[in-house]
Amino acid sequence: MLWPWSSPLPLIALRGPRVMLRLPQQGDYDSWYQLRRTSRDFLKPFEPRWTEADLARRVFAGRVKRGREEAEQGTDYSFFIFRSDGDRQVLVGGITLSNIRRRAAQFVTLGYWMGQQWAGQGLMTEAVGVTLPFVFDSLDLHRIHAAFLPGNMASRRVLEKNGFVEEGFAEKYLQIDGRWEDHVLFGLPKERYEALRYGQR
């Protein structure tokens, strides 16, 4: 098997009918800044607290560098989601595969965000779907974990449409907008993923 980190990292690209995922690059800054800034009020209730300072070019550059190093080490993957618009790719959101654990665990944690103007169009459902072969086939992991705020029905639908099921409830699980918030826990093991994938053939 050719592991993803054994190839030049810029070549890692995950593709669906409408979306393409790849690692962030320094040239993405202007698009990322505009999308995050215009979507701030939309994203604020669902993310850790951030300010205008977090949108600075130097902060972005540090994230790109750190993300590249983590991908090279095979511990975390931070992808930007692009939607095809004619001959160009438009940044619409992001997906993170973080805290990869090997040995007896073999799992990863899934997270994602979508710009306000692109929400509700099924793009995140598709984007999550194209990460699944990467997780289970390329990375050869056994489980994906995800969590969302109890009232976030859009996130629930994204996960359910990709075969995730509810597995539990975590009190004060993550700090969101400056407060520790409860989360619903979802999961997808490789066995269910493969059953769904082969059952559709």
C-alpha atoms as a PDB file:
ATOM      1  CA  MET A   1       0.000   0.000   0.000  1.00  0.00           C
ATOM      2  CA  LEU A   2       1.251   3.492  -0.841  1.00  0.00           C
ATOM      3  CA  TRP A   3       0.774   5.567   2.311  1.00  0.00           C
ATOM      4  CA  PRO A   4      -0.409   9.147   1.676  1.00  0.00           C
ATOM      5  CA  TRP A   5       2.559  10.660   3.483  1.00  0.00           C
ATOM      6  CA  SER A   6       5.019   8.795   1.241  1.00  0.00           C
ATOM      7  CA  SER A   7       3.999  10.972  -1.727  1.00  0.00           C
ATOM      8  CA  PRO A   8       4.481  14.721  -2.169  1.00  0.00           C
ATOM      9  CA  LEU A   9       1.838  16.218   0.095  1.00  0.00           C
ATOM     10  CA  PRO A  10       0.460  18.742  -2.412  1.00  0.00           C
ATOM     11  CA  LEU A  11      -0.674  15.754  -4.493  1.00  0.00           C
ATOM     12  CA  ILE A  12      -3.107  14.554  -1.814  1.00  0.00           C
ATOM     13  CA  ALA A  13      -6.544  15.417  -3.166  1.00  0.00           C
ATOM     14  CA  LEU A  14      -9.906  13.834  -2.350  1.00  0.00           C
ATOM     15  CA  ARG A  15     -12.575  14.318  -5.012  1.00  0.00           C
ATOM     16  CA  GLY A  16     -16.326  14.009  -5.244  1.00  0.00           C
ATOM     17  CA  PRO A  17     -18.854  15.042  -7.898  1.00  0.00           C
ATOM     18  CA  ARG A  18     -18.973  18.637  -6.667  1.00  0.00           C
ATOM     19  CA  VAL A  19     -16.131  19.017  -4.168  1.00  0.00           C
ATOM     20  CA  MET A  20     -12.369  18.631  -3.948  1.00  0.00           C
ATOM     21  CA  LEU A  21     -10.421  18.440  -0.692  1.00  0.00           C
ATOM     22  CA  ARG A  22      -6.723  19.212  -0.331  1.00  0.00           C
ATOM     23  CA  LEU A  23      -4.260  20.470   2.255  1.00  0.00           C
ATOM     24  CA  PRO A  24      -4.237  24.273   2.734  1.00  0.00           C
ATOM     25  CA  GLN A  25      -1.584  26.284   0.918  1.00  0.00           C
ATOM     26  CA  GLN A  26      -0.214  29.746   1.615  1.00  0.00           C
ATOM     27  CA  GLY A  27      -1.928  31.050  -1.525  1.00  0.00           C
ATOM     28  CA  ASP A  28      -5.328  30.211  -0.012  1.00  0.00           C
ATOM     29  CA  TYR A  29      -5.072  32.993   2.558  1.00  0.00           C
ATOM     30  CA  ASP A  30      -7.227  35.653   0.875  1.00  0.00           C
ATOM     31  CA  SER A  31     -10.062  33.214   0.147  1.00  0.00           C
ATOM     32  CA  TRP A  32      -9.867  31.747   3.654  1.00  0.00           C
ATOM     33  CA  TYR A  33      -9.835  35.191   5.277  1.00  0.00           C
ATOM     34  CA  GLN A  34     -12.888  36.379   3.367  1.00  0.00           C
ATOM     35  CA  LEU A  35     -14.860  33.203   4.004  1.00  0.00           C
ATOM     36  CA  ARG A  36     -14.093  33.074   7.723  1.00  0.00           C
ATOM     37  CA  ARG A  37     -14.679  36.788   8.226  1.00  0.00           C
ATOM     38  CA  THR A  38     -18.015  36.917   6.401  1.00  0.00           C
ATOM     39  CA  SER A  39     -19.156  33.708   8.161  1.00  0.00           C
ATOM     40  CA  ARG A  40     -18.066  34.717  11.653  1.00  0.00           C
ATOM     41  CA  ASP A  41     -21.548  35.220  13.160  1.00  0.00           C
ATOM     42  CA  PHE A  42     -22.710  31.991  11.536  1.00  0.00           C
ATOM     43  CA  LEU A  43     -19.773  29.943  12.893  1.00  0.00           C
ATOM     44  CA  LYS A  44     -19.466  31.582  16.317  1.00  0.00           C
ATOM     45  CA  PRO A  45     -22.047  29.367  18.123  1.00  0.00           C
ATOM     46  CA  PHE A  46     -20.289  26.176  16.989  1.00  0.00           C
ATOM     47  CA  GLU A  47     -16.564  26.849  17.363  1.00  0.00           C
ATOM     48  CA  PRO A  48     -13.958  27.698  19.990  1.00  0.00           C
ATOM     49  CA  ARG A  49     -13.745  31.449  20.539  1.00  0.00           C
ATOM     50  CA  TRP A  50     -11.675  33.358  17.997  1.00  0.00           C
ATOM     51  CA  THR A  51     -11.059  37.013  17.159  1.00  0.00           C
ATOM     52  CA  GLU A  52      -9.952  39.154  14.225  1.00  0.00           C
ATOM     53  CA  ALA A  53      -6.349  38.548  15.329  1.00  0.00           C
ATOM     54  CA  ASP A  54      -6.783  34.861  14.545  1.00  0.00           C
ATOM     55  CA  LEU A  55      -7.391  35.796  10.912  1.00  0.00           C
ATOM     56  CA  ALA A  56      -3.967  37.419  10.510  1.00  0.00           C
ATOM     57  CA  ARG A  57      -1.779  36.236   7.652  1.00  0.00           C
ATOM     58  CA  ARG A  58       1.030  35.164  10.001  1.00  0.00           C
ATOM     59  CA  VAL A  59      -1.421  33.029  12.017  1.00  0.00           C
ATOM     60  CA  PHE A  60      -2.648  31.398   8.829  1.00  0.00           C
ATOM     61  CA  ALA A  61       0.927  30.790   7.682  1.00  0.00           C
ATOM     62  CA  GLY A  62       1.685  29.068  10.973  1.00  0.00           C
ATOM     63  CA  ARG A  63      -1.366  26.854  10.635  1.00  0.00           C
ATOM     64  CA  VAL A  64      -0.431  25.838   7.103  1.00  0.00           C
ATOM     65  CA  LYS A  65       3.099  24.966   8.199  1.00  0.00           C
ATOM     66  CA  ARG A  66       1.901  23.038  11.241  1.00  0.00           C
ATOM     67  CA  GLY A  67      -0.738  21.245   9.195  1.00  0.00           C
ATOM     68  CA  ARG A  68       1.846  20.163   6.647  1.00  0.00           C
ATOM     69  CA  GLU A  69       4.112  18.820   9.395  1.00  0.00           C
ATOM     70  CA  GLU A  70       1.244  16.912  11.039  1.00  0.00           C
ATOM     71  CA  ALA A  71       0.248  15.370   7.708  1.00  0.00           C
ATOM     72  CA  GLU A  72       3.847  14.325   7.082  1.00  0.00           C
ATOM     73  CA  GLN A  73       3.856  12.648  10.497  1.00  0.00           C
ATOM     74  CA  GLY A  74       0.494  10.995   9.806  1.00  0.00           C
ATOM     75  CA  THR A  75      -1.127  12.344  12.985  1.00  0.00           C
ATOM     76  CA  ASP A  76      -3.589  14.967  11.671  1.00  0.00           C
ATOM     77  CA  TYR A  77      -4.956  16.099   8.321  1.00  0.00           C
ATOM     78  CA  SER A  78      -6.573  19.514   7.829  1.00  0.00           C
ATOM     79  CA  PHE A  79      -8.274  19.793   4.460  1.00  0.00           C
ATOM     80  CA  PHE A  80      -9.867  22.757   2.719  1.00  0.00           C
ATOM     81  CA  ILE A  81     -13.074  22.008   0.828  1.00  0.00           C
ATOM     82  CA  PHE A  82     -13.417  23.514  -2.634  1.00  0.00           C
ATOM     83  CA  ARG A  83     -16.451  23.578  -4.896  1.00  0.00           C
ATOM     84  CA  SER A  84     -15.901  23.496  -8.630  1.00  0.00           C
ATOM     85  CA  ASP A  85     -17.113  26.664 -10.354  1.00  0.00           C
ATOM     86  CA  GLY A  86     -16.288  26.322 -14.024  1.00  0.00           C
ATOM     87  CA  ASP A  87     -12.521  26.196 -14.351  1.00  0.00           C
ATOM     88  CA  ARG A  88     -11.837  27.487 -10.850  1.00  0.00           C
ATOM     89  CA  GLN A  89     -12.118  26.072  -7.354  1.00  0.00           C
ATOM     90  CA  VAL A  90     -13.985  28.103  -4.715  1.00  0.00           C
ATOM     91  CA  LEU A  91     -13.163  27.618  -1.029  1.00  0.00           C
ATOM     92  CA  VAL A  92     -16.332  26.698   0.893  1.00  0.00           C
ATOM     93  CA  GLY A  93     -15.156  25.155   4.184  1.00  0.00           C
ATOM     94  CA  GLY A  94     -12.820  22.746   5.905  1.00  0.00           C
ATOM     95  CA  ILE A  95     -12.529  19.245   7.360  1.00  0.00           C
ATOM     96  CA  THR A  96     -10.099  18.047  10.002  1.00  0.00           C
ATOM     97  CA  LEU A  97      -9.043  14.496  10.747  1.00  0.00           C
ATOM     98  CA  SER A  98      -7.295  14.871  14.072  1.00  0.00           C
ATOM     99  CA  ASN A  99      -5.873  12.927  16.998  1.00  0.00           C
ATOM    100  CA  ILE A 100      -5.132   9.808  14.959  1.00  0.00           C
ATOM    101  CA  ARG A 101      -4.429   6.902  17.293  1.00  0.00           C
ATOM    102  CA  ARG A 102      -2.737   3.679  16.269  1.00  0.00           C
ATOM    103  CA  ARG A 103      -1.984   0.429  18.136  1.00  0.00           C
ATOM    104  CA  ALA A 104      -5.148  -0.986  19.750  1.00  0.00           C
ATOM    105  CA  ALA A 105      -7.278   2.114  19.086  1.00  0.00           C
ATOM    106  CA  GLN A 106      -6.939   2.813  15.332  1.00  0.00           C
ATOM    107  CA  PHE A 107      -9.343   5.771  15.316  1.00  0.00           C
ATOM    108  CA  VAL A 108      -9.539   9.405  14.252  1.00  0.00           C
ATOM    109  CA  THR A 109     -11.699  12.375  15.240  1.00  0.00           C
ATOM    110  CA  LEU A 110     -13.648  14.171  12.510  1.00  0.00           C
ATOM    111  CA  GLY A 111     -14.420  17.891  12.585  1.00  0.00           C
ATOM    112  CA  TYR A 112     -15.703  20.312   9.960  1.00  0.00           C
ATOM    113  CA  TRP A 113     -16.894  23.838   9.225  1.00  0.00           C
ATOM    114  CA  MET A 114     -18.767  25.406   6.320  1.00  0.00           C
ATOM    115  CA  GLY A 115     -18.968  29.004   5.150  1.00  0.00           C
ATOM    116  CA  GLN A 116     -22.416  30.500   5.651  1.00  0.00           C
ATOM    117  CA  GLN A 117     -23.168  31.118   1.975  1.00  0.00           C
ATOM    118  CA  TRP A 118     -22.518  27.436   1.151  1.00  0.00           C
ATOM    119  CA  ALA A 119     -24.435  25.834   4.011  1.00  0.00           C
ATOM    120  CA  GLY A 120     -27.521  23.745   3.313  1.00  0.00           C
ATOM    121  CA  GLN A 121     -26.458  22.644  -0.184  1.00  0.00           C
ATOM    122  CA  GLY A 122     -25.269  19.141   0.649  1.00  0.00           C
ATOM    123  CA  LEU A 123     -21.629  20.031   0.114  1.00  0.00           C
ATOM    124  CA  MET A 124     -20.527  18.997   3.612  1.00  0.00           C
ATOM    125  CA  THR A 125     -22.346  15.676   3.341  1.00  0.00           C
ATOM    126  CA  GLU A 126     -20.425  14.997   0.137  1.00  0.00           C
ATOM    127  CA  ALA A 127     -17.138  16.239   1.599  1.00  0.00           C
ATOM    128  CA  VAL A 128     -17.415  13.966   4.631  1.00  0.00           C
ATOM    129  CA  GLY A 129     -18.279  11.103   2.301  1.00  0.00           C
ATOM    130  CA  VAL A 130     -15.114  11.497   0.240  1.00  0.00           C
ATOM    131  CA  THR A 131     -12.957  11.407   3.381  1.00  0.00           C
ATOM    132  CA  LEU A 132     -14.217   7.948   4.346  1.00  0.00           C
ATOM    133  CA  PRO A 133     -12.175   5.938   1.805  1.00  0.00           C
ATOM    134  CA  PHE A 134      -9.133   8.003   2.794  1.00  0.00           C
ATOM    135  CA  VAL A 135      -9.651   7.130   6.460  1.00  0.00           C
ATOM    136  CA  PHE A 136     -10.515   3.466   6.091  1.00  0.00           C
ATOM    137  CA  ASP A 137      -8.540   2.472   2.995  1.00  0.00           C
ATOM    138  CA  SER A 138      -5.531   4.805   2.757  1.00  0.00           C
ATOM    139  CA  LEU A 139      -4.942   5.413   6.478  1.00  0.00           C
ATOM    140  CA  ASP A 140      -6.245   1.931   7.370  1.00  0.00           C
ATOM    141  CA  LEU A 141      -8.023   3.129  10.503  1.00  0.00           C
ATOM    142  CA  HIS A 142     -10.903   1.293  12.183  1.00  0.00           C
ATOM    143  CA  ARG A 143     -13.185   4.019  13.552  1.00  0.00           C
ATOM    144  CA  ILE A 144     -14.142   7.653  13.074  1.00  0.00           C
ATOM    145  CA  HIS A 145     -15.472   9.679  15.997  1.00  0.00           C
ATOM    146  CA  ALA A 146     -17.463  12.909  15.690  1.00  0.00           C
ATOM    147  CA  ALA A 147     -19.319  15.179  18.104  1.00  0.00           C
ATOM    148  CA  PHE A 148     -21.755  18.064  17.774  1.00  0.00           C
ATOM    149  CA  LEU A 149     -23.895  20.356  19.909  1.00  0.00           C
ATOM    150  CA  PRO A 150     -27.286  18.817  20.744  1.00  0.00           C
ATOM    151  CA  GLY A 151     -29.209  21.445  18.781  1.00  0.00           C
ATOM    152  CA  ASN A 152     -27.097  21.223  15.631  1.00  0.00           C
ATOM    153  CA  MET A 153     -29.479  19.275  13.409  1.00  0.00           C
ATOM    154  CA  ALA A 154     -27.524  20.103  10.243  1.00  0.00           C
ATOM    155  CA  SER A 155     -24.452  18.356  11.630  1.00  0.00           C
ATOM    156  CA  ARG A 156     -26.541  15.384  12.728  1.00  0.00           C
ATOM    157  CA  ARG A 157     -27.886  14.993   9.181  1.00  0.00           C
ATOM    158  CA  VAL A 158     -24.402  15.196   7.650  1.00  0.00           C
ATOM    159  CA  LEU A 159     -23.208  12.343   9.848  1.00  0.00           C
ATOM    160  CA  GLU A 160     -26.318  10.180   9.555  1.00  0.00           C
ATOM    161  CA  LYS A 161     -26.264  10.403   5.764  1.00  0.00           C
ATOM    162  CA  ASN A 162     -22.708   9.043   5.875  1.00  0.00           C
ATOM    163  CA  GLY A 163     -23.546   6.056   8.067  1.00  0.00           C
ATOM    164  CA  PHE A 164     -22.613   7.423  11.494  1.00  0.00           C
ATOM    165  CA  VAL A 165     -24.864   6.520  14.424  1.00  0.00           C
ATOM    166  CA  GLU A 166     -25.361   8.081  17.831  1.00  0.00           C
ATOM    167  CA  GLU A 167     -23.231   6.412  20.481  1.00  0.00           C
ATOM    168  CA  GLY A 168     -23.511   8.611  23.522  1.00  0.00           C
ATOM    169  CA  PHE A 169     -23.600  11.982  25.227  1.00  0.00           C
ATOM    170  CA  ALA A 170     -20.655  13.855  26.724  1.00  0.00           C
ATOM    171  CA  GLU A 171     -21.278  16.477  29.392  1.00  0.00           C
ATOM    172  CA  LYS A 172     -19.206  19.668  29.090  1.00  0.00           C
ATOM    173  CA  TYR A 173     -17.192  17.998  26.323  1.00  0.00           C
ATOM    174  CA  LEU A 174     -15.686  20.892  24.347  1.00  0.00           C
ATOM    175  CA  GLN A 175     -15.184  24.600  24.885  1.00  0.00           C
ATOM    176  CA  ILE A 176     -17.377  26.417  22.373  1.00  0.00           C
ATOM    177  CA  ASP A 177     -17.453  30.208  22.157  1.00  0.00           C
ATOM    178  CA  GLY A 178     -15.852  30.424  25.588  1.00  0.00           C
ATOM    179  CA  ARG A 179     -18.173  27.955  27.365  1.00  0.00           C
ATOM    180  CA  TRP A 180     -17.882  24.243  28.086  1.00  0.00           C
ATOM    181  CA  GLU A 181     -20.726  22.627  26.157  1.00  0.00           C
ATOM    182  CA  ASP A 182     -22.407  19.224  26.103  1.00  0.00           C
ATOM    183  CA  HIS A 183     -22.029  17.225  22.883  1.00  0.00           C
ATOM    184  CA  VAL A 184     -23.711  14.302  21.177  1.00  0.00           C
ATOM    185  CA  LEU A 185     -21.222  11.585  20.236  1.00  0.00           C
ATOM    186  CA  PHE A 186     -21.416   9.779  16.895  1.00  0.00           C
ATOM    187  CA  GLY A 187     -19.235   7.043  15.457  1.00  0.00           C
ATOM    188  CA  LEU A 188     -18.592   5.004  12.347  1.00  0.00           C
ATOM    189  CA  PRO A 189     -16.593   1.746  12.468  1.00  0.00           C
ATOM    190  CA  LYS A 190     -15.041   0.205   9.392  1.00  0.00           C
ATOM    191  CA  GLU A 191     -17.448  -2.745   9.467  1.00  0.00           C
ATOM    192  CA  ARG A 192     -20.522  -0.532   9.078  1.00  0.00           C
ATOM    193  CA  TYR A 193     -18.817   1.611   6.461  1.00  0.00           C
ATOM    194  CA  GLU A 194     -17.970  -1.433   4.360  1.00  0.00           C
ATOM    195  CA  ALA A 195     -21.450  -2.923   4.768  1.00  0.00           C
ATOM    196  CA  LEU A 196     -23.009   0.302   3.528  1.00  0.00           C
ATOM    197  CA  ARG A 197     -20.512   0.699   0.709  1.00  0.00           C
ATOM    198  CA  TYR A 198     -20.860  -2.826  -0.630  1.00  0.00           C
ATOM    199  CA  GLY A 199     -24.603  -2.863  -0.033  1.00  0.00           C
ATOM    200  CA  GLN A 200     -24.992   0.006  -2.500  1.00  0.00           C
ATOM    201  CA  ARG A 201     -23.356  -1.911  -5.345  1.00  0.00           C
END
